[in-house]
Each structure stands twice: as C-alpha cells, then as structure tokens.
Amino acid sequence: MKIAKNTVVTVEYKLSDAQNNLIEDGRQPMVYLHGGYENTLPKIEEELDGKDAGYATTIQIEPEDAFGDYDPNLLKVEERARLPEPLEIGMQFEGLPEGGEDDDAMIFTVTEIAEDKVVLDGNHPLAGMALRFELKVVDVRPATEEEIAHEHVHGAHGHHHDDEEGDEGEEGDHFRSHPIH
C-alpha cells in the first residue's frame, strides 16, 4: 500500500543536527496519520507521500520548515522566588510571552539558574537548527473512520480514547507524535 491521505504510517527514524550529531535515536517508531493533520513535520509527509513500506531516505529540514528560527525575544528573566522549589535546569512551565494575553500561553524551559534570578526560554529546544532525519517506512495501513474523525492514530503507539466502561487501554498506549509548530 502506498502512503497517501488517511493512511497510518509507521516510520523508524533517527534525528540528527546538520553536522550529524545524534539528537534522538527513535527507539520507538513514529506512528502518524498521513494527510495534513499536523501529526509530523510537513516536509516529512511531503517526502513520504506516495512511497511504500521499505522506503528509506535521509532528508534535511531547514529551521523555517521545522521549529522556526531562534527568537531571542522569547527569553525571560524571572525572580527565582516566583518559581517553585526545588528548581532544576530543564524544568518547564507554562507562561505568557512579554505583553501576551491568556490565549498566547506557551511553554518556557529553565535554561539558567542564579541565586535570585532564573532564565526561561520560550523557544522550542530545536528552534534555529537544521535537522537531518533518517527515515525508514516500516508499515502503511488504511486509517479507520474513527482515526480520521479524531485526526490521529489509535491503538498500539497511538492515542486511546476511554470507552463508556472506562477502559484505560493498554500499557504504553499513547500517541507519540502530535501537532508541532
């Protein structure tokens, strides 16, 4: 089966920067609903469209087609007392950019901690980076009507909606890919 709109694609991947420094080894495959549902980067969908299981390639995606350019305006310095303890580099908090309104909330990552100040960065950790993806299509199947209606994959490595009996789903039954902008 060829990859097309409303197919579920399972892809093994490795993610590196443009200098081939490994960022993520993709121990679990990425499983996504193909067809513009924002479940993976558009350039990945573009490359895989029309391909079959077994197809393998390496593509480089520039920052503007991945997580955008690094924006120094998304750095904030906050009083340490305003944040919970214990505080560690890498912790994330939801907040507003300078002058933002409630619907502008974004995730800020703690990047530096001083005695009384903390630096928070609202950029995606991969912002400003050209990314190299090694991709291998493992499986392609038709999406179910429910997956198409919900615009994401269900089942193994996919999202599971609780049914009326409150079934929690299988262990590890969560969706690994999600909209990224």
Protein backbone atom coordinates (compact mmCIF):
# COMPACT_ATOMS: atom_id res chain seq x y z
CA MET A 1 0.00 0.00 0.00
CA LYS A 2 1.27 3.47 -0.87
CA ILE A 3 1.38 6.32 1.62
CA ALA A 4 -1.50 8.69 0.88
CA LYS A 5 -4.03 10.84 2.72
CA ASN A 6 -5.75 8.89 5.51
CA THR A 7 -3.14 6.16 5.81
CA VAL A 8 -1.41 5.30 9.08
CA VAL A 9 2.35 5.30 8.62
CA THR A 10 4.89 3.64 10.90
CA VAL A 11 8.40 5.06 10.45
CA GLU A 12 11.67 4.16 12.11
CA TYR A 13 13.81 7.28 12.40
CA LYS A 14 17.00 8.85 13.65
CA LEU A 15 17.18 12.58 14.22
CA SER A 16 20.49 14.45 13.97
CA ASP A 17 21.59 18.03 13.51
CA ALA A 18 23.13 19.22 10.23
CA GLN A 19 26.60 18.16 11.48
CA ASN A 20 25.24 14.62 12.06
CA ASN A 21 25.30 14.87 15.88
CA LEU A 22 22.62 12.47 17.13
CA ILE A 23 19.66 14.19 18.83
CA GLU A 24 17.21 11.27 19.10
CA ASP A 25 17.66 7.64 18.12
CA GLY A 26 13.96 6.86 17.67
CA ARG A 27 13.94 3.71 19.81
CA GLN A 28 10.20 3.50 19.21
CA PRO A 29 8.91 4.17 15.71
CA MET A 30 6.85 7.24 14.92
CA VAL A 31 3.26 6.33 14.02
CA TYR A 32 1.20 9.08 12.43
CA LEU A 33 -1.92 9.76 10.37
CA HIS A 34 -0.76 10.97 6.95
CA GLY A 35 -2.52 13.73 5.07
CA GLY A 36 -2.01 17.19 6.55
CA TYR A 37 -3.24 16.50 10.08
CA GLU A 38 -0.12 18.15 11.58
CA ASN A 39 0.96 14.87 13.21
CA THR A 40 4.51 15.25 11.87
CA LEU A 41 6.53 17.88 10.04
CA PRO A 42 5.04 18.75 6.62
CA LYS A 43 8.41 18.14 4.89
CA ILE A 44 8.42 14.56 6.23
CA GLU A 45 4.90 13.99 4.85
CA GLU A 46 5.94 15.53 1.54
CA GLU A 47 8.95 13.19 1.28
CA LEU A 48 6.98 10.04 2.20
CA ASP A 49 3.85 10.73 0.13
CA GLY A 50 3.34 8.00 -2.46
CA LYS A 51 6.04 5.71 -1.00
CA ASP A 52 5.67 2.09 0.15
CA ALA A 53 6.79 0.11 3.22
CA GLY A 54 10.55 -0.46 2.94
CA TYR A 55 11.29 3.01 1.54
CA ALA A 56 14.30 4.59 3.25
CA THR A 57 15.80 8.05 2.86
CA THR A 58 17.67 10.80 4.65
CA ILE A 59 16.32 14.35 4.43
CA GLN A 60 17.49 17.64 5.86
CA ILE A 61 14.89 20.13 7.00
CA GLU A 62 15.83 23.77 7.47
CA PRO A 63 14.67 25.68 10.60
CA GLU A 64 11.87 27.54 8.81
CA ASP A 65 10.32 24.17 7.85
CA ALA A 66 10.92 22.59 11.27
CA PHE A 67 10.70 24.52 14.56
CA GLY A 68 11.44 28.01 13.27
CA ASP A 69 14.33 30.37 13.85
CA TYR A 70 15.58 31.04 17.36
CA ASP A 71 13.82 34.13 18.76
CA PRO A 72 15.79 35.96 21.48
CA ASN A 73 12.59 37.85 22.38
CA LEU A 74 11.26 34.59 23.89
CA LEU A 75 13.85 34.70 26.69
CA LYS A 76 12.55 35.86 30.08
CA VAL A 77 14.40 36.55 33.32
CA GLU A 78 12.22 35.93 36.37
CA GLU A 79 12.72 36.30 40.09
CA ARG A 80 13.62 32.87 41.46
CA ALA A 81 11.13 33.37 44.31
CA ARG A 82 8.28 33.35 41.74
CA LEU A 83 9.02 29.72 40.79
CA PRO A 84 8.52 26.54 42.83
CA GLU A 85 11.36 24.75 44.59
CA PRO A 86 13.23 22.56 44.01
CA LEU A 87 14.13 24.21 40.72
CA GLU A 88 16.28 22.50 38.08
CA ILE A 89 17.58 23.33 34.61
CA GLY A 90 15.31 21.68 32.06
CA MET A 91 12.10 22.11 34.07
CA GLN A 92 9.23 23.54 32.04
CA PHE A 93 6.49 25.98 32.96
CA GLU A 94 3.52 27.40 31.10
CA GLY A 95 3.61 31.17 30.84
CA LEU A 96 2.90 34.21 28.70
CA PRO A 97 5.37 35.99 26.45
CA GLU A 98 6.02 39.66 27.27
CA GLY A 99 2.77 41.55 26.61
CA GLY A 100 0.93 38.31 25.79
CA GLU A 101 -2.70 37.52 26.52
CA ASP A 102 -4.16 34.36 28.07
CA ASP A 103 -4.58 32.62 24.70
CA ASP A 104 -0.87 33.23 23.94
CA ALA A 105 0.29 30.80 26.68
CA MET A 106 3.42 28.86 25.81
CA ILE A 107 5.94 26.52 27.41
CA PHE A 108 9.12 28.02 28.89
CA THR A 109 12.16 25.90 29.77
CA VAL A 110 14.54 26.78 32.62
CA THR A 111 17.95 27.28 30.98
CA GLU A 112 19.93 29.05 33.73
CA ILE A 113 19.55 29.44 37.49
CA ALA A 114 21.32 32.12 39.54
CA GLU A 115 20.91 32.91 43.22
CA ASP A 116 17.89 35.14 42.77
CA LYS A 117 17.13 35.02 39.02
CA VAL A 118 16.05 32.33 36.55
CA VAL A 119 16.32 32.42 32.75
CA LEU A 120 13.30 30.95 30.95
CA ASP A 121 13.38 30.20 27.22
CA GLY A 122 10.12 30.01 25.22
CA ASN A 123 11.81 28.72 22.05
CA HIS A 124 11.36 25.09 21.06
CA PRO A 125 14.58 23.24 22.03
CA LEU A 126 15.24 22.55 18.32
CA ALA A 127 14.47 26.11 17.12
CA GLY A 128 17.12 27.53 14.82
CA MET A 129 18.50 24.11 13.90
CA ALA A 130 18.63 22.37 10.55
CA LEU A 131 17.53 18.79 11.23
CA ARG A 132 18.56 15.59 9.47
CA PHE A 133 16.08 12.71 9.57
CA GLU A 134 16.98 9.15 8.59
CA LEU A 135 13.61 7.58 7.79
CA LYS A 136 12.53 4.02 7.02
CA VAL A 137 8.88 3.22 6.36
CA VAL A 138 8.01 0.06 8.29
CA ASP A 139 4.27 -0.18 7.69
CA VAL A 140 1.41 1.56 5.89
CA ARG A 141 -2.25 0.76 6.53
CA PRO A 142 -5.60 2.41 5.90
CA ALA A 143 -6.76 4.63 8.76
CA THR A 144 -10.00 3.73 10.49
CA GLU A 145 -13.01 6.04 10.26
CA GLU A 146 -12.51 6.88 13.94
CA GLU A 147 -8.83 7.81 13.41
CA ILE A 148 -9.80 10.07 10.51
CA ALA A 149 -12.58 11.70 12.56
CA HIS A 150 -10.20 12.28 15.51
CA GLU A 151 -7.30 13.25 13.20
CA HIS A 152 -4.76 10.97 14.92
CA VAL A 153 -3.78 7.31 15.25
CA HIS A 154 -5.42 4.99 17.77
CA GLY A 155 -4.19 1.66 19.10
CA ALA A 156 -0.61 0.47 19.58
CA HIS A 157 1.65 3.53 19.84
CA GLY A 158 -1.43 5.62 19.19
CA HIS A 159 -3.88 7.55 21.33
CA HIS A 160 -6.68 5.62 23.04
CA HIS A 161 -9.99 7.22 23.98
CA ASP A 162 -11.62 5.77 27.07
CA ASP A 163 -14.80 3.95 26.19
CA GLU A 164 -18.00 4.08 28.21
CA GLU A 165 -16.82 1.34 30.59
CA GLY A 166 -13.79 3.47 31.43
CA ASP A 167 -11.26 1.10 29.83
CA GLU A 168 -7.82 2.62 30.32
CA GLY A 169 -6.25 1.00 27.24
CA GLU A 170 -3.04 -0.98 27.04
CA GLU A 171 0.11 -0.01 28.92
CA GLY A 172 2.13 2.37 26.76
CA ASP A 173 -0.90 3.05 24.58
CA HIS A 174 -0.20 6.73 23.95
CA PHE A 175 0.31 8.87 20.91
CA ARG A 176 3.97 9.63 20.27
CA SER A 177 3.51 12.24 17.58
CA HIS A 178 1.44 15.38 17.96
CA PRO A 179 0.99 18.71 16.27
CA ILE A 180 4.24 20.63 16.11
CA HIS A 181 4.54 24.23 15.03
